[in-house]
Each structure stands twice: as structure tokens, then as C-alpha cells.
Amino acid sequence: MEITPKTKVSDILEEYGDIADVMEIFGIKRVARYSFRKMLTKALTVEVAARVHRVPLDEFLETLNNAIEMRAKNQEP
């Protein structure tokens, strides 16, 4: 899965697990209640999340895609 500006945050979490620690690098804090975060992420795209948190979109996309690539490499046998 390639992450684009239109990718839903919920799709990323469903496919790759909780990558909140990567998002925190950009100041996007964890929401205290997982169920609330899950509900919010269904409506949020990566583009909107970046804009809301004043994160440069290109840098955010690159970091997310790199994190997913690294995760995949670490899971290879």
C-alpha cells in the first residue's frame, strides 16, 4: 500500500498497526482513548491530518512510507 494524501488514516492503522510513534515525530499526539481515535481516523485523510497539525505534507508522506517500508523489511524471514 502506497500512502498518498488521500489515504485514510484508518486504512494505514488497519494495514500496518498503530504507527502513532511515527506520527508523534511531527507533533501529532496520541488520543487517550483508542476507540475515539479509531472513530476520528475513519474521516481523516493523511492530507487533512498534516494540515491540521501544520506538518509539511511531502515530509509526512515520505516519513510514513519509509516507516512502512522499514516495518516490512523487519518482518521478512
N, C-alpha and C. Protein backbone atom coordinates (compact mmCIF):
# COMPACT_ATOMS: atom_id res chain seq x y z
N MET A 1 0.85 -1.19 0.00
CA MET A 1 0.00 0.00 0.00
C MET A 1 0.89 1.23 0.00
N GLU A 2 0.70 2.08 -0.99
CA GLU A 2 1.41 3.35 -1.01
C GLU A 2 0.52 4.38 -0.33
N ILE A 3 1.11 5.15 0.54
CA ILE A 3 0.36 6.19 1.24
C ILE A 3 0.40 7.46 0.41
N THR A 4 -0.78 7.99 0.14
CA THR A 4 -0.93 9.22 -0.63
C THR A 4 -1.66 10.24 0.23
N PRO A 5 -1.78 11.49 -0.25
CA PRO A 5 -2.51 12.48 0.52
C PRO A 5 -3.97 12.08 0.80
N LYS A 6 -4.55 11.28 -0.07
CA LYS A 6 -5.96 10.89 0.07
C LYS A 6 -6.15 9.61 0.89
N THR A 7 -5.08 8.97 1.32
CA THR A 7 -5.18 7.76 2.12
C THR A 7 -5.81 8.08 3.46
N LYS A 8 -6.77 7.29 3.86
CA LYS A 8 -7.41 7.46 5.17
C LYS A 8 -6.45 6.95 6.25
N VAL A 9 -6.36 7.69 7.32
CA VAL A 9 -5.52 7.29 8.45
C VAL A 9 -5.97 5.93 8.97
N SER A 10 -7.28 5.68 8.97
CA SER A 10 -7.80 4.39 9.44
C SER A 10 -7.29 3.23 8.58
N ASP A 11 -7.13 3.46 7.27
CA ASP A 11 -6.60 2.41 6.39
C ASP A 11 -5.15 2.09 6.74
N ILE A 12 -4.38 3.11 7.08
CA ILE A 12 -2.98 2.90 7.46
C ILE A 12 -2.92 2.08 8.74
N LEU A 13 -3.73 2.47 9.73
CA LEU A 13 -3.72 1.76 11.01
C LEU A 13 -4.20 0.32 10.85
N GLU A 14 -5.19 0.11 9.99
CA GLU A 14 -5.71 -1.24 9.77
C GLU A 14 -4.66 -2.12 9.08
N GLU A 15 -3.97 -1.56 8.12
CA GLU A 15 -2.99 -2.33 7.34
C GLU A 15 -1.67 -2.55 8.08
N TYR A 16 -1.21 -1.53 8.81
CA TYR A 16 0.13 -1.57 9.38
C TYR A 16 0.18 -1.51 10.90
N GLY A 17 -0.94 -1.46 11.55
CA GLY A 17 -0.94 -1.36 13.00
C GLY A 17 -0.81 0.09 13.45
N ASP A 18 -0.63 0.24 14.70
CA ASP A 18 -0.57 1.58 15.28
C ASP A 18 0.81 2.19 15.04
N ILE A 19 0.86 3.19 14.19
CA ILE A 19 2.13 3.86 13.90
C ILE A 19 2.15 5.25 14.54
N ALA A 20 1.47 5.35 15.67
CA ALA A 20 1.37 6.64 16.36
C ALA A 20 2.73 7.21 16.71
N ASP A 21 3.71 6.34 17.03
CA ASP A 21 5.03 6.84 17.39
C ASP A 21 5.67 7.57 16.21
N VAL A 22 5.41 7.14 14.99
CA VAL A 22 5.92 7.85 13.81
C VAL A 22 5.22 9.20 13.68
N MET A 23 3.92 9.21 13.91
CA MET A 23 3.16 10.46 13.80
C MET A 23 3.58 11.45 14.88
N GLU A 24 3.98 10.97 16.04
CA GLU A 24 4.38 11.86 17.13
C GLU A 24 5.64 12.64 16.79
N ILE A 25 6.45 12.13 15.88
CA ILE A 25 7.64 12.86 15.44
C ILE A 25 7.23 14.23 14.92
N PHE A 26 6.05 14.30 14.33
CA PHE A 26 5.56 15.54 13.75
C PHE A 26 4.63 16.30 14.69
N GLY A 27 4.55 15.88 15.94
CA GLY A 27 3.71 16.58 16.90
C GLY A 27 2.26 16.14 16.90
N ILE A 28 1.95 15.06 16.19
CA ILE A 28 0.59 14.54 16.19
C ILE A 28 0.49 13.58 17.37
N LYS A 29 -0.15 14.06 18.41
CA LYS A 29 -0.21 13.31 19.67
C LYS A 29 -1.23 12.19 19.63
N ARG A 30 -0.98 11.19 20.46
CA ARG A 30 -1.93 10.09 20.61
C ARG A 30 -3.18 10.58 21.31
N VAL A 31 -4.29 10.02 20.93
CA VAL A 31 -5.55 10.32 21.60
C VAL A 31 -5.68 9.32 22.74
N ALA A 32 -6.09 9.80 23.89
CA ALA A 32 -6.11 8.96 25.09
C ALA A 32 -6.95 7.69 24.93
N ARG A 33 -8.09 7.80 24.28
CA ARG A 33 -8.97 6.64 24.16
C ARG A 33 -8.88 6.09 22.75
N TYR A 34 -8.47 4.84 22.62
CA TYR A 34 -8.29 4.23 21.31
C TYR A 34 -9.57 4.26 20.49
N SER A 35 -10.72 4.01 21.11
CA SER A 35 -11.98 3.98 20.35
C SER A 35 -12.28 5.34 19.74
N PHE A 36 -11.96 6.41 20.44
CA PHE A 36 -12.18 7.75 19.92
C PHE A 36 -11.24 8.01 18.75
N ARG A 37 -9.98 7.62 18.90
CA ARG A 37 -9.02 7.79 17.82
C ARG A 37 -9.45 7.00 16.59
N LYS A 38 -9.92 5.79 16.81
CA LYS A 38 -10.36 4.95 15.70
C LYS A 38 -11.51 5.61 14.95
N MET A 39 -12.43 6.22 15.68
CA MET A 39 -13.56 6.89 15.05
C MET A 39 -13.08 8.09 14.23
N LEU A 40 -12.18 8.88 14.79
CA LEU A 40 -11.68 10.06 14.09
C LEU A 40 -10.89 9.70 12.84
N THR A 41 -10.11 8.64 12.92
CA THR A 41 -9.25 8.29 11.79
C THR A 41 -10.03 7.83 10.57
N LYS A 42 -11.26 7.39 10.75
CA LYS A 42 -12.07 6.97 9.61
C LYS A 42 -12.41 8.15 8.71
N ALA A 43 -12.45 9.34 9.26
CA ALA A 43 -12.79 10.52 8.49
C ALA A 43 -11.56 11.29 8.01
N LEU A 44 -10.42 11.06 8.63
CA LEU A 44 -9.23 11.84 8.32
C LEU A 44 -8.40 11.22 7.21
N THR A 45 -8.01 12.07 6.26
CA THR A 45 -7.01 11.64 5.28
C THR A 45 -5.64 12.10 5.78
N VAL A 46 -4.61 11.58 5.19
CA VAL A 46 -3.25 11.99 5.55
C VAL A 46 -3.09 13.49 5.28
N GLU A 47 -3.64 13.95 4.18
CA GLU A 47 -3.54 15.37 3.83
C GLU A 47 -4.18 16.26 4.90
N VAL A 48 -5.37 15.91 5.36
CA VAL A 48 -6.06 16.70 6.38
C VAL A 48 -5.30 16.63 7.70
N ALA A 49 -4.83 15.45 8.07
CA ALA A 49 -4.08 15.31 9.32
C ALA A 49 -2.83 16.18 9.30
N ALA A 50 -2.13 16.19 8.18
CA ALA A 50 -0.93 17.02 8.06
C ALA A 50 -1.26 18.49 8.17
N ARG A 51 -2.32 18.90 7.50
CA ARG A 51 -2.72 20.32 7.53
C ARG A 51 -3.15 20.75 8.93
N VAL A 52 -3.96 19.93 9.60
CA VAL A 52 -4.44 20.25 10.94
C VAL A 52 -3.27 20.42 11.91
N HIS A 53 -2.26 19.58 11.75
CA HIS A 53 -1.12 19.61 12.68
C HIS A 53 0.05 20.44 12.15
N ARG A 54 -0.20 21.14 11.04
CA ARG A 54 0.82 22.03 10.45
C ARG A 54 2.13 21.28 10.16
N VAL A 55 1.97 20.14 9.54
CA VAL A 55 3.11 19.30 9.16
C VAL A 55 3.26 19.40 7.64
N PRO A 56 4.48 19.60 7.14
CA PRO A 56 4.66 19.60 5.68
C PRO A 56 4.22 18.25 5.09
N LEU A 57 3.27 18.27 4.17
CA LEU A 57 2.69 17.06 3.63
C LEU A 57 3.72 16.15 2.99
N ASP A 58 4.62 16.70 2.17
CA ASP A 58 5.60 15.85 1.49
C ASP A 58 6.52 15.15 2.48
N GLU A 59 6.93 15.85 3.52
CA GLU A 59 7.79 15.25 4.54
C GLU A 59 7.04 14.18 5.34
N PHE A 60 5.78 14.44 5.64
CA PHE A 60 4.96 13.49 6.38
C PHE A 60 4.77 12.22 5.56
N LEU A 61 4.44 12.37 4.27
CA LEU A 61 4.25 11.20 3.40
C LEU A 61 5.52 10.38 3.29
N GLU A 62 6.64 11.06 3.11
CA GLU A 62 7.92 10.35 2.98
C GLU A 62 8.23 9.56 4.25
N THR A 63 8.02 10.17 5.40
CA THR A 63 8.31 9.50 6.67
C THR A 63 7.39 8.31 6.88
N LEU A 64 6.11 8.47 6.60
CA LEU A 64 5.17 7.35 6.76
C LEU A 64 5.52 6.19 5.82
N ASN A 65 5.79 6.51 4.56
CA ASN A 65 6.15 5.46 3.61
C ASN A 65 7.46 4.78 3.98
N ASN A 66 8.43 5.54 4.47
CA ASN A 66 9.69 4.95 4.93
C ASN A 66 9.47 4.04 6.14
N ALA A 67 8.62 4.46 7.06
CA ALA A 67 8.34 3.65 8.25
C ALA A 67 7.69 2.33 7.86
N ILE A 68 6.78 2.38 6.91
CA ILE A 68 6.11 1.16 6.46
C ILE A 68 7.09 0.25 5.73
N GLU A 69 7.96 0.83 4.93
CA GLU A 69 8.97 0.04 4.23
C GLU A 69 9.91 -0.63 5.22
N MET A 70 10.34 0.09 6.24
CA MET A 70 11.22 -0.48 7.26
C MET A 70 10.52 -1.59 8.03
N ARG A 71 9.26 -1.40 8.34
CA ARG A 71 8.49 -2.42 9.06
C ARG A 71 8.43 -3.69 8.22
N ALA A 72 8.20 -3.54 6.93
CA ALA A 72 8.11 -4.71 6.04
C ALA A 72 9.44 -5.45 5.98
N LYS A 73 10.53 -4.71 5.93
CA LYS A 73 11.87 -5.33 5.88
C LYS A 73 12.15 -6.08 7.18
N ASN A 74 11.73 -5.52 8.31
CA ASN A 74 11.96 -6.18 9.60
C ASN A 74 11.13 -7.42 9.78
N GLN A 75 10.04 -7.56 9.03
CA GLN A 75 9.18 -8.72 9.16
C GLN A 75 9.54 -9.83 8.19
N GLU A 76 10.46 -9.55 7.28
CA GLU A 76 10.90 -10.58 6.34
C GLU A 76 11.69 -11.65 7.06
N PRO A 77 11.51 -12.91 6.65
CA PRO A 77 12.24 -14.01 7.32
C PRO A 77 13.72 -13.97 7.07
